[in-house]
Amino acid sequence: MTLEEDAKKLLLQVKDSGSGKSIINLGWIDQVQIKPPKAIVRLNLPDFAQSQRERIAIETRETL
């Protein structure tokens, strides 16, 4: 398993506050690159979820 796959598994814990579904399952992650000690995650949130951007970014950093 690659580091990116491991990261995506961890990101299943980060949820949309409205539906309770993970940002991975919702397709809100465009890119995950892991190059220790850095992790690059590109979010692709729909317009209605933009108000959650900061919370999701913080939870993503803390999770990884």
PDB file of N, CA and C in Angstrom:
ATOM      1  N   MET A   1       0.842  -1.179   0.000  1.00  0.00           N
ATOM      2  CA  MET A   1       0.000   0.000   0.000  1.00  0.00           C
ATOM      3  C   MET A   1       0.889   1.246   0.000  1.00  0.00           C
ATOM      4  N   THR A   2       0.520   2.235  -0.802  1.00  0.00           N
ATOM      5  CA  THR A   2       1.318   3.447  -0.905  1.00  0.00           C
ATOM      6  C   THR A   2       0.978   4.420   0.225  1.00  0.00           C
ATOM      7  N   LEU A   3       1.814   5.402   0.407  1.00  0.00           N
ATOM      8  CA  LEU A   3       1.554   6.430   1.417  1.00  0.00           C
ATOM      9  C   LEU A   3       0.271   7.199   1.091  1.00  0.00           C
ATOM     10  N   GLU A   4       0.016   7.418  -0.198  1.00  0.00           N
ATOM     11  CA  GLU A   4      -1.190   8.128  -0.606  1.00  0.00           C
ATOM     12  C   GLU A   4      -2.445   7.336  -0.241  1.00  0.00           C
ATOM     13  N   GLU A   5      -2.393   6.021  -0.446  1.00  0.00           N
ATOM     14  CA  GLU A   5      -3.529   5.160  -0.077  1.00  0.00           C
ATOM     15  C   GLU A   5      -3.744   5.169   1.434  1.00  0.00           C
ATOM     16  N   ASP A   6      -2.648   5.129   2.176  1.00  0.00           N
ATOM     17  CA  ASP A   6      -2.751   5.205   3.640  1.00  0.00           C
ATOM     18  C   ASP A   6      -3.381   6.528   4.062  1.00  0.00           C
ATOM     19  N   ALA A   7      -2.972   7.609   3.424  1.00  0.00           N
ATOM     20  CA  ALA A   7      -3.512   8.933   3.745  1.00  0.00           C
ATOM     21  C   ALA A   7      -5.001   8.993   3.443  1.00  0.00           C
ATOM     22  N   LYS A   8      -5.420   8.444   2.323  1.00  0.00           N
ATOM     23  CA  LYS A   8      -6.846   8.448   1.972  1.00  0.00           C
ATOM     24  C   LYS A   8      -7.665   7.648   2.975  1.00  0.00           C
ATOM     25  N   LYS A   9      -7.109   6.552   3.463  1.00  0.00           N
ATOM     26  CA  LYS A   9      -7.806   5.783   4.500  1.00  0.00           C
ATOM     27  C   LYS A   9      -7.996   6.631   5.750  1.00  0.00           C
ATOM     28  N   LEU A  10      -6.958   7.351   6.134  1.00  0.00           N
ATOM     29  CA  LEU A  10      -7.055   8.222   7.308  1.00  0.00           C
ATOM     30  C   LEU A  10      -8.078   9.340   7.087  1.00  0.00           C
ATOM     31  N   LEU A  11      -8.130   9.852   5.863  1.00  0.00           N
ATOM     32  CA  LEU A  11      -9.036  10.963   5.567  1.00  0.00           C
ATOM     33  C   LEU A  11     -10.503  10.539   5.537  1.00  0.00           C
ATOM     34  N   LEU A  12     -10.765   9.253   5.597  1.00  0.00           N
ATOM     35  CA  LEU A  12     -12.153   8.792   5.728  1.00  0.00           C
ATOM     36  C   LEU A  12     -12.779   9.289   7.029  1.00  0.00           C
ATOM     37  N   GLN A  13     -11.936   9.689   7.980  1.00  0.00           N
ATOM     38  CA  GLN A  13     -12.414  10.196   9.271  1.00  0.00           C
ATOM     39  C   GLN A  13     -12.921  11.637   9.180  1.00  0.00           C
ATOM     40  N   VAL A  14     -12.511  12.370   8.149  1.00  0.00           N
ATOM     41  CA  VAL A  14     -12.905  13.774   8.005  1.00  0.00           C
ATOM     42  C   VAL A  14     -14.259  13.800   7.297  1.00  0.00           C
ATOM     43  N   LYS A  15     -15.262  14.356   7.973  1.00  0.00           N
ATOM     44  CA  LYS A  15     -16.644  14.273   7.493  1.00  0.00           C
ATOM     45  C   LYS A  15     -17.225  15.637   7.132  1.00  0.00           C
ATOM     46  N   ASP A  16     -18.170  15.594   6.206  1.00  0.00           N
ATOM     47  CA  ASP A  16     -19.007  16.745   5.888  1.00  0.00           C
ATOM     48  C   ASP A  16     -19.973  16.920   7.060  1.00  0.00           C
ATOM     49  N   SER A  17     -20.117  18.145   7.530  1.00  0.00           N
ATOM     50  CA  SER A  17     -20.976  18.371   8.692  1.00  0.00           C
ATOM     51  C   SER A  17     -22.457  18.194   8.366  1.00  0.00           C
ATOM     52  N   GLY A  18     -22.841  18.360   7.109  1.00  0.00           N
ATOM     53  CA  GLY A  18     -24.247  18.229   6.739  1.00  0.00           C
ATOM     54  C   GLY A  18     -24.690  16.791   6.586  1.00  0.00           C
ATOM     55  N   SER A  19     -23.968  16.025   5.799  1.00  0.00           N
ATOM     56  CA  SER A  19     -24.376  14.648   5.499  1.00  0.00           C
ATOM     57  C   SER A  19     -23.739  13.618   6.425  1.00  0.00           C
ATOM     58  N   GLY A  20     -22.612  13.983   7.041  1.00  0.00           N
ATOM     59  CA  GLY A  20     -21.884  13.024   7.869  1.00  0.00           C
ATOM     60  C   GLY A  20     -21.034  12.066   7.054  1.00  0.00           C
ATOM     61  N   LYS A  21     -20.989  12.252   5.736  1.00  0.00           N
ATOM     62  CA  LYS A  21     -20.178  11.389   4.868  1.00  0.00           C
ATOM     63  C   LYS A  21     -18.747  11.914   4.819  1.00  0.00           C
ATOM     64  N   SER A  22     -17.811  11.007   4.542  1.00  0.00           N
ATOM     65  CA  SER A  22     -16.406  11.410   4.488  1.00  0.00           C
ATOM     66  C   SER A  22     -16.133  12.235   3.235  1.00  0.00           C
ATOM     67  N   ILE A  23     -15.142  13.103   3.347  1.00  0.00           N
ATOM     68  CA  ILE A  23     -14.772  13.936   2.201  1.00  0.00           C
ATOM     69  C   ILE A  23     -14.192  13.087   1.067  1.00  0.00           C
ATOM     70  N   ILE A  24     -13.667  11.923   1.394  1.00  0.00           N
ATOM     71  CA  ILE A  24     -13.175  10.993   0.372  1.00  0.00           C
ATOM     72  C   ILE A  24     -14.351  10.425  -0.406  1.00  0.00           C
ATOM     73  N   ASN A  25     -15.352   9.916   0.311  1.00  0.00           N
ATOM     74  CA  ASN A  25     -16.512   9.315  -0.346  1.00  0.00           C
ATOM     75  C   ASN A  25     -17.314  10.342  -1.145  1.00  0.00           C
ATOM     76  N   LEU A  26     -17.295  11.587  -0.721  1.00  0.00           N
ATOM     77  CA  LEU A  26     -18.003  12.636  -1.436  1.00  0.00           C
ATOM     78  C   LEU A  26     -17.232  13.130  -2.666  1.00  0.00           C
ATOM     79  N   GLY A  27     -15.973  12.723  -2.787  1.00  0.00           N
ATOM     80  CA  GLY A  27     -15.157  13.132  -3.928  1.00  0.00           C
ATOM     81  C   GLY A  27     -14.630  14.549  -3.808  1.00  0.00           C
ATOM     82  N   TRP A  28     -14.483  15.036  -2.583  1.00  0.00           N
ATOM     83  CA  TRP A  28     -14.033  16.408  -2.351  1.00  0.00           C
ATOM     84  C   TRP A  28     -12.521  16.536  -2.288  1.00  0.00           C
ATOM     85  N   ILE A  29     -11.807  15.444  -2.498  1.00  0.00           N
ATOM     86  CA  ILE A  29     -10.343  15.458  -2.533  1.00  0.00           C
ATOM     87  C   ILE A  29      -9.908  15.207  -3.970  1.00  0.00           C
ATOM     88  N   ASP A  30      -9.209  16.178  -4.555  1.00  0.00           N
ATOM     89  CA  ASP A  30      -8.713  16.034  -5.920  1.00  0.00           C
ATOM     90  C   ASP A  30      -7.369  15.329  -5.966  1.00  0.00           C
ATOM     91  N   GLN A  31      -6.539  15.602  -4.981  1.00  0.00           N
ATOM     92  CA  GLN A  31      -5.162  15.112  -5.051  1.00  0.00           C
ATOM     93  C   GLN A  31      -4.623  14.892  -3.650  1.00  0.00           C
ATOM     94  N   VAL A  32      -3.885  13.802  -3.496  1.00  0.00           N
ATOM     95  CA  VAL A  32      -3.138  13.541  -2.264  1.00  0.00           C
ATOM     96  C   VAL A  32      -1.738  13.134  -2.679  1.00  0.00           C
ATOM     97  N   GLN A  33      -0.747  13.897  -2.229  1.00  0.00           N
ATOM     98  CA  GLN A  33       0.659  13.569  -2.465  1.00  0.00           C
ATOM     99  C   GLN A  33       1.361  13.555  -1.115  1.00  0.00           C
ATOM    100  N   ILE A  34       2.078  12.499  -0.856  1.00  0.00           N
ATOM    101  CA  ILE A  34       2.838  12.387   0.386  1.00  0.00           C
ATOM    102  C   ILE A  34       4.317  12.313   0.013  1.00  0.00           C
ATOM    103  N   LYS A  35       5.046  13.313   0.476  1.00  0.00           N
ATOM    104  CA  LYS A  35       6.496  13.354   0.303  1.00  0.00           C
ATOM    105  C   LYS A  35       7.062  13.768   1.656  1.00  0.00           C
ATOM    106  N   PRO A  36       7.281  12.754   2.527  1.00  0.00           N
ATOM    107  CA  PRO A  36       7.685  13.067   3.901  1.00  0.00           C
ATOM    108  C   PRO A  36       8.808  14.101   3.948  1.00  0.00           C
ATOM    109  N   PRO A  37       8.682  15.066   4.813  1.00  0.00           N
ATOM    110  CA  PRO A  37       7.685  15.224   5.874  1.00  0.00           C
ATOM    111  C   PRO A  37       6.442  16.003   5.451  1.00  0.00           C
ATOM    112  N   LYS A  38       6.239  16.203   4.138  1.00  0.00           N
ATOM    113  CA  LYS A  38       5.106  17.000   3.672  1.00  0.00           C
ATOM    114  C   LYS A  38       3.982  16.116   3.140  1.00  0.00           C
ATOM    115  N   ALA A  39       2.762  16.625   3.300  1.00  0.00           N
ATOM    116  CA  ALA A  39       1.579  16.026   2.681  1.00  0.00           C
ATOM    117  C   ALA A  39       0.854  17.147   1.950  1.00  0.00           C
ATOM    118  N   ILE A  40       0.557  16.918   0.696  1.00  0.00           N
ATOM    119  CA  ILE A  40      -0.166  17.903  -0.108  1.00  0.00           C
ATOM    120  C   ILE A  40      -1.535  17.321  -0.433  1.00  0.00           C
ATOM    121  N   VAL A  41      -2.571  18.047  -0.036  1.00  0.00           N
ATOM    122  CA  VAL A  41      -3.944  17.616  -0.279  1.00  0.00           C
ATOM    123  C   VAL A  41      -4.667  18.768  -0.963  1.00  0.00           C
ATOM    124  N   ARG A  42      -5.264  18.482  -2.102  1.00  0.00           N
ATOM    125  CA  ARG A  42      -6.021  19.512  -2.829  1.00  0.00           C
ATOM    126  C   ARG A  42      -7.511  19.221  -2.653  1.00  0.00           C
ATOM    127  N   LEU A  43      -8.195  20.184  -2.037  1.00  0.00           N
ATOM    128  CA  LEU A  43      -9.638  20.076  -1.839  1.00  0.00           C
ATOM    129  C   LEU A  43     -10.373  20.599  -3.068  1.00  0.00           C
ATOM    130  N   ASN A  44     -11.507  19.990  -3.361  1.00  0.00           N
ATOM    131  CA  ASN A  44     -12.387  20.456  -4.431  1.00  0.00           C
ATOM    132  C   ASN A  44     -13.806  20.456  -3.870  1.00  0.00           C
ATOM    133  N   LEU A  45     -14.100  21.478  -3.082  1.00  0.00           N
ATOM    134  CA  LEU A  45     -15.401  21.540  -2.423  1.00  0.00           C
ATOM    135  C   LEU A  45     -16.438  22.194  -3.324  1.00  0.00           C
ATOM    136  N   PRO A  46     -17.672  21.677  -3.300  1.00  0.00           N
ATOM    137  CA  PRO A  46     -18.747  22.346  -4.032  1.00  0.00           C
ATOM    138  C   PRO A  46     -19.092  23.669  -3.352  1.00  0.00           C
ATOM    139  N   ASP A  47     -19.797  24.528  -4.070  1.00  0.00           N
ATOM    140  CA  ASP A  47     -20.126  25.854  -3.534  1.00  0.00           C
ATOM    141  C   ASP A  47     -20.798  25.787  -2.166  1.00  0.00           C
ATOM    142  N   PHE A  48     -21.737  24.858  -1.994  1.00  0.00           N
ATOM    143  CA  PHE A  48     -22.477  24.811  -0.731  1.00  0.00           C
ATOM    144  C   PHE A  48     -21.615  24.391   0.457  1.00  0.00           C
ATOM    145  N   ALA A  49     -20.447  23.840   0.201  1.00  0.00           N
ATOM    146  CA  ALA A  49     -19.572  23.373   1.282  1.00  0.00           C
ATOM    147  C   ALA A  49     -18.415  24.334   1.568  1.00  0.00           C
ATOM    148  N   GLN A  50     -18.345  25.443   0.872  1.00  0.00           N
ATOM    149  CA  GLN A  50     -17.231  26.376   1.051  1.00  0.00           C
ATOM    150  C   GLN A  50     -17.132  26.898   2.480  1.00  0.00           C
ATOM    151  N   SER A  51     -18.247  26.991   3.171  1.00  0.00           N
ATOM    152  CA  SER A  51     -18.213  27.475   4.553  1.00  0.00           C
ATOM    153  C   SER A  51     -17.471  26.511   5.479  1.00  0.00           C
ATOM    154  N   GLN A  52     -17.263  25.279   5.048  1.00  0.00           N
ATOM    155  CA  GLN A  52     -16.561  24.270   5.848  1.00  0.00           C
ATOM    156  C   GLN A  52     -15.078  24.177   5.511  1.00  0.00           C
ATOM    157  N   ARG A  53     -14.631  24.923   4.528  1.00  0.00           N
ATOM    158  CA  ARG A  53     -13.265  24.786   4.015  1.00  0.00           C
ATOM    159  C   ARG A  53     -12.216  24.849   5.131  1.00  0.00           C
ATOM    160  N   GLU A  54     -12.282  25.854   5.976  1.00  0.00           N
ATOM    161  CA  GLU A  54     -11.280  26.015   7.030  1.00  0.00           C
ATOM    162  C   GLU A  54     -11.296  24.839   8.006  1.00  0.00           C
ATOM    163  N   ARG A  55     -12.485  24.423   8.421  1.00  0.00           N
ATOM    164  CA  ARG A  55     -12.605  23.285   9.353  1.00  0.00           C
ATOM    165  C   ARG A  55     -12.050  22.017   8.711  1.00  0.00           C
ATOM    166  N   ILE A  56     -12.405  21.770   7.460  1.00  0.00           N
ATOM    167  CA  ILE A  56     -11.928  20.568   6.772  1.00  0.00           C
ATOM    168  C   ILE A  56     -10.411  20.608   6.617  1.00  0.00           C
ATOM    169  N   ALA A  57      -9.856  21.765   6.291  1.00  0.00           N
ATOM    170  CA  ALA A  57      -8.399  21.896   6.158  1.00  0.00           C
ATOM    171  C   ALA A  57      -7.703  21.604   7.486  1.00  0.00           C
ATOM    172  N   ILE A  58      -8.242  22.137   8.568  1.00  0.00           N
ATOM    173  CA  ILE A  58      -7.648  21.906   9.887  1.00  0.00           C
ATOM    174  C   ILE A  58      -7.731  20.429  10.257  1.00  0.00           C
ATOM    175  N   GLU A  59      -8.898  19.828  10.085  1.00  0.00           N
ATOM    176  CA  GLU A  59      -9.063  18.400  10.413  1.00  0.00           C
ATOM    177  C   GLU A  59      -8.166  17.520   9.545  1.00  0.00           C
ATOM    178  N   THR A  60      -7.984  17.894   8.284  1.00  0.00           N
ATOM    179  CA  THR A  60      -7.112  17.133   7.391  1.00  0.00           C
ATOM    180  C   THR A  60      -5.672  17.191   7.883  1.00  0.00           C
ATOM    181  N   ARG A  61      -5.209  18.401   8.242  1.00  0.00           N
ATOM    182  CA  ARG A  61      -3.838  18.541   8.778  1.00  0.00           C
ATOM    183  C   ARG A  61      -3.660  17.715  10.042  1.00  0.00           C
ATOM    184  N   GLU A  62      -4.629  17.811  10.952  1.00  0.00           N
ATOM    185  CA  GLU A  62      -4.524  17.083  12.216  1.00  0.00           C
ATOM    186  C   GLU A  62      -4.567  15.568  12.000  1.00  0.00           C
ATOM    187  N   THR A  63      -5.360  15.120  11.070  1.00  0.00           N
ATOM    188  CA  THR A  63      -5.508  13.694  10.801  1.00  0.00           C
ATOM    189  C   THR A  63      -4.244  13.109  10.188  1.00  0.00           C
ATOM    190  N   LEU A  64      -3.638  13.855   9.274  1.00  0.00           N
ATOM    191  CA  LEU A  64      -2.426  13.347   8.626  1.00  0.00           C
ATOM    192  C   LEU A  64      -1.189  13.603   9.463  1.00  0.00           C
TER     193      LEU A  64
END
